[in-house]
């Protein structure tokens, strides 16, 4: 992945955050683009069907083979609290990645 692609991703979510009306779902299109640019041939599907580990926000696949699942959370969500309340990052023996941009410096 290029530094430019990562910079662009961070700029896009920062702009969305600064508008003041963004939610966890607002950032997902930017994440999908970043993930698919990261590894050619990989598909990031937002809101896939439920799987054994629950209802992840994304499934990452390559030629229909699942590579991983991603759970996204809104900016400001405490990962420690999330882990206690919901049992992340392990759920049913599968790792769930929490992708978050927790601090945006202005």
C-alpha atoms as a PDB file:
ATOM      1  CA  UNK A   1       0.000   0.000   0.000  1.00  0.00           C
ATOM      2  CA  UNK A   2       1.316   3.397  -0.818  1.00  0.00           C
ATOM      3  CA  UNK A   3       1.731   6.116   1.757  1.00  0.00           C
ATOM      4  CA  UNK A   4      -0.422   8.301  -0.485  1.00  0.00           C
ATOM      5  CA  UNK A   5      -3.330   5.825  -0.247  1.00  0.00           C
ATOM      6  CA  UNK A   6      -3.081   5.739   3.534  1.00  0.00           C
ATOM      7  CA  UNK A   7      -2.820   9.541   3.726  1.00  0.00           C
ATOM      8  CA  UNK A   8      -5.874   9.850   1.476  1.00  0.00           C
ATOM      9  CA  UNK A   9      -7.838   7.445   3.703  1.00  0.00           C
ATOM     10  CA  UNK A  10      -6.951   9.402   6.840  1.00  0.00           C
ATOM     11  CA  UNK A  11      -7.836  12.711   5.165  1.00  0.00           C
ATOM     12  CA  UNK A  12     -11.212  11.373   4.031  1.00  0.00           C
ATOM     13  CA  UNK A  13     -12.216  10.110   7.453  1.00  0.00           C
ATOM     14  CA  UNK A  14     -10.968  13.288   9.083  1.00  0.00           C
ATOM     15  CA  UNK A  15     -13.099  15.401   6.727  1.00  0.00           C
ATOM     16  CA  UNK A  16     -16.138  13.215   7.415  1.00  0.00           C
ATOM     17  CA  UNK A  17     -15.513  13.442  11.164  1.00  0.00           C
ATOM     18  CA  UNK A  18     -15.207  17.230  11.068  1.00  0.00           C
ATOM     19  CA  UNK A  19     -18.609  17.570   9.364  1.00  0.00           C
ATOM     20  CA  UNK A  20     -20.017  16.516  12.728  1.00  0.00           C
ATOM     21  CA  UNK A  21     -22.682  14.082  11.566  1.00  0.00           C
ATOM     22  CA  UNK A  22     -20.632  10.973  10.772  1.00  0.00           C
ATOM     23  CA  UNK A  23     -21.287   7.525  12.230  1.00  0.00           C
ATOM     24  CA  UNK A  24     -19.405   4.245  12.099  1.00  0.00           C
ATOM     25  CA  UNK A  25     -21.094   3.528   8.759  1.00  0.00           C
ATOM     26  CA  UNK A  26     -19.870   6.793   7.217  1.00  0.00           C
ATOM     27  CA  UNK A  27     -16.258   5.620   7.220  1.00  0.00           C
ATOM     28  CA  UNK A  28     -16.812   2.180   5.733  1.00  0.00           C
ATOM     29  CA  UNK A  29     -16.593   3.155   2.062  1.00  0.00           C
ATOM     30  CA  UNK A  30     -13.201   4.727   2.722  1.00  0.00           C
ATOM     31  CA  UNK A  31     -12.035   1.575   4.503  1.00  0.00           C
ATOM     32  CA  UNK A  32     -13.271  -0.663   1.663  1.00  0.00           C
ATOM     33  CA  UNK A  33     -11.272   1.360  -0.850  1.00  0.00           C
ATOM     34  CA  UNK A  34      -8.157   1.267   1.345  1.00  0.00           C
ATOM     35  CA  UNK A  35      -8.369  -2.506   1.876  1.00  0.00           C
ATOM     36  CA  UNK A  36      -8.909  -3.302  -1.784  1.00  0.00           C
ATOM     37  CA  UNK A  37      -6.013  -1.056  -2.812  1.00  0.00           C
ATOM     38  CA  UNK A  38      -3.831  -2.728  -0.193  1.00  0.00           C
ATOM     39  CA  UNK A  39      -3.965  -6.158  -1.854  1.00  0.00           C
ATOM     40  CA  UNK A  40      -4.970  -6.535  -5.504  1.00  0.00           C
ATOM     41  CA  UNK A  41      -7.473  -9.337  -6.010  1.00  0.00           C
ATOM     42  CA  UNK A  42      -8.914  -8.960  -2.525  1.00  0.00           C
ATOM     43  CA  UNK A  43     -12.545  -7.972  -2.055  1.00  0.00           C
ATOM     44  CA  UNK A  44     -13.863  -6.231   1.051  1.00  0.00           C
ATOM     45  CA  UNK A  45     -17.614  -6.816   1.346  1.00  0.00           C
ATOM     46  CA  UNK A  46     -19.500  -4.472   3.652  1.00  0.00           C
ATOM     47  CA  UNK A  47     -22.320  -6.066   5.702  1.00  0.00           C
ATOM     48  CA  UNK A  48     -21.853  -9.683   4.551  1.00  0.00           C
ATOM     49  CA  UNK A  49     -24.144 -12.540   5.573  1.00  0.00           C
ATOM     50  CA  UNK A  50     -23.854 -13.766   9.146  1.00  0.00           C
ATOM     51  CA  UNK A  51     -21.037 -16.256   9.684  1.00  0.00           C
ATOM     52  CA  UNK A  52     -19.974 -18.534  12.529  1.00  0.00           C
ATOM     53  CA  UNK A  53     -18.316 -15.628  14.351  1.00  0.00           C
ATOM     54  CA  UNK A  54     -21.422 -13.464  14.146  1.00  0.00           C
ATOM     55  CA  UNK A  55     -22.202 -10.483  11.945  1.00  0.00           C
ATOM     56  CA  UNK A  56     -18.935  -8.792  11.007  1.00  0.00           C
ATOM     57  CA  UNK A  57     -18.972  -5.430   9.293  1.00  0.00           C
ATOM     58  CA  UNK A  58     -16.669  -6.683   6.525  1.00  0.00           C
ATOM     59  CA  UNK A  59     -15.495  -9.984   5.145  1.00  0.00           C
ATOM     60  CA  UNK A  60     -12.224  -9.959   3.237  1.00  0.00           C
ATOM     61  CA  UNK A  61     -12.094 -12.550   0.465  1.00  0.00           C
ATOM     62  CA  UNK A  62      -9.872 -13.579  -2.388  1.00  0.00           C
ATOM     63  CA  UNK A  63     -11.546 -15.669  -5.083  1.00  0.00           C
ATOM     64  CA  UNK A  64     -14.413 -16.529  -2.714  1.00  0.00           C
ATOM     65  CA  UNK A  65     -11.999 -17.684   0.023  1.00  0.00           C
ATOM     66  CA  UNK A  66     -12.508 -15.824   3.303  1.00  0.00           C
ATOM     67  CA  UNK A  67      -9.274 -14.258   4.551  1.00  0.00           C
ATOM     68  CA  UNK A  68     -10.663 -12.441   7.559  1.00  0.00           C
ATOM     69  CA  UNK A  69     -13.398 -10.410   9.136  1.00  0.00           C
ATOM     70  CA  UNK A  70     -13.404  -6.804  10.247  1.00  0.00           C
ATOM     71  CA  UNK A  71     -15.561  -5.151  12.854  1.00  0.00           C
ATOM     72  CA  UNK A  72     -15.585  -1.363  12.697  1.00  0.00           C
ATOM     73  CA  UNK A  73     -16.433   1.028  15.478  1.00  0.00           C
ATOM     74  CA  UNK A  74     -17.058   4.749  15.584  1.00  0.00           C
ATOM     75  CA  UNK A  75     -14.418   7.241  16.615  1.00  0.00           C
ATOM     76  CA  UNK A  76     -14.217   7.546  20.373  1.00  0.00           C
ATOM     77  CA  UNK A  77     -15.400   4.028  21.231  1.00  0.00           C
ATOM     78  CA  UNK A  78     -13.248   2.580  24.018  1.00  0.00           C
ATOM     79  CA  UNK A  79     -11.754  -0.699  22.819  1.00  0.00           C
ATOM     80  CA  UNK A  80     -11.258  -1.816  26.424  1.00  0.00           C
ATOM     81  CA  UNK A  81     -14.938  -1.234  27.177  1.00  0.00           C
ATOM     82  CA  UNK A  82     -15.925  -2.894  23.904  1.00  0.00           C
ATOM     83  CA  UNK A  83     -13.855  -5.950  24.775  1.00  0.00           C
ATOM     84  CA  UNK A  84     -15.527  -6.225  28.189  1.00  0.00           C
ATOM     85  CA  UNK A  85     -19.082  -5.661  26.944  1.00  0.00           C
ATOM     86  CA  UNK A  86     -19.006  -7.657  23.729  1.00  0.00           C
ATOM     87  CA  UNK A  87     -16.206 -10.163  24.063  1.00  0.00           C
ATOM     88  CA  UNK A  88     -14.023  -8.789  21.300  1.00  0.00           C
ATOM     89  CA  UNK A  89     -11.497  -9.473  19.816  1.00  0.00           C
ATOM     90  CA  UNK A  90     -12.164 -13.223  20.074  1.00  0.00           C
ATOM     91  CA  UNK A  91     -15.607 -14.517  19.354  1.00  0.00           C
ATOM     92  CA  UNK A  92     -16.343 -18.175  18.650  1.00  0.00           C
ATOM     93  CA  UNK A  93     -12.678 -18.875  18.062  1.00  0.00           C
ATOM     94  CA  UNK A  94     -12.282 -16.387  15.229  1.00  0.00           C
ATOM     95  CA  UNK A  95     -10.330 -13.167  15.411  1.00  0.00           C
ATOM     96  CA  UNK A  96     -12.335 -10.058  14.737  1.00  0.00           C
ATOM     97  CA  UNK A  97     -10.310  -7.001  13.855  1.00  0.00           C
ATOM     98  CA  UNK A  98     -11.422  -3.678  15.186  1.00  0.00           C
ATOM     99  CA  UNK A  99     -10.499  -0.911  12.801  1.00  0.00           C
ATOM    100  CA  UNK A 100     -10.716   2.505  14.350  1.00  0.00           C
ATOM    101  CA  UNK A 101      -9.273   5.963  13.939  1.00  0.00           C
ATOM    102  CA  UNK A 102      -9.525   7.016  17.551  1.00  0.00           C
ATOM    103  CA  UNK A 103      -7.734  10.353  17.530  1.00  0.00           C
ATOM    104  CA  UNK A 104      -7.851  13.014  14.859  1.00  0.00           C
ATOM    105  CA  UNK A 105      -5.525  15.907  15.516  1.00  0.00           C
ATOM    106  CA  UNK A 106      -6.564  19.230  14.092  1.00  0.00           C
END
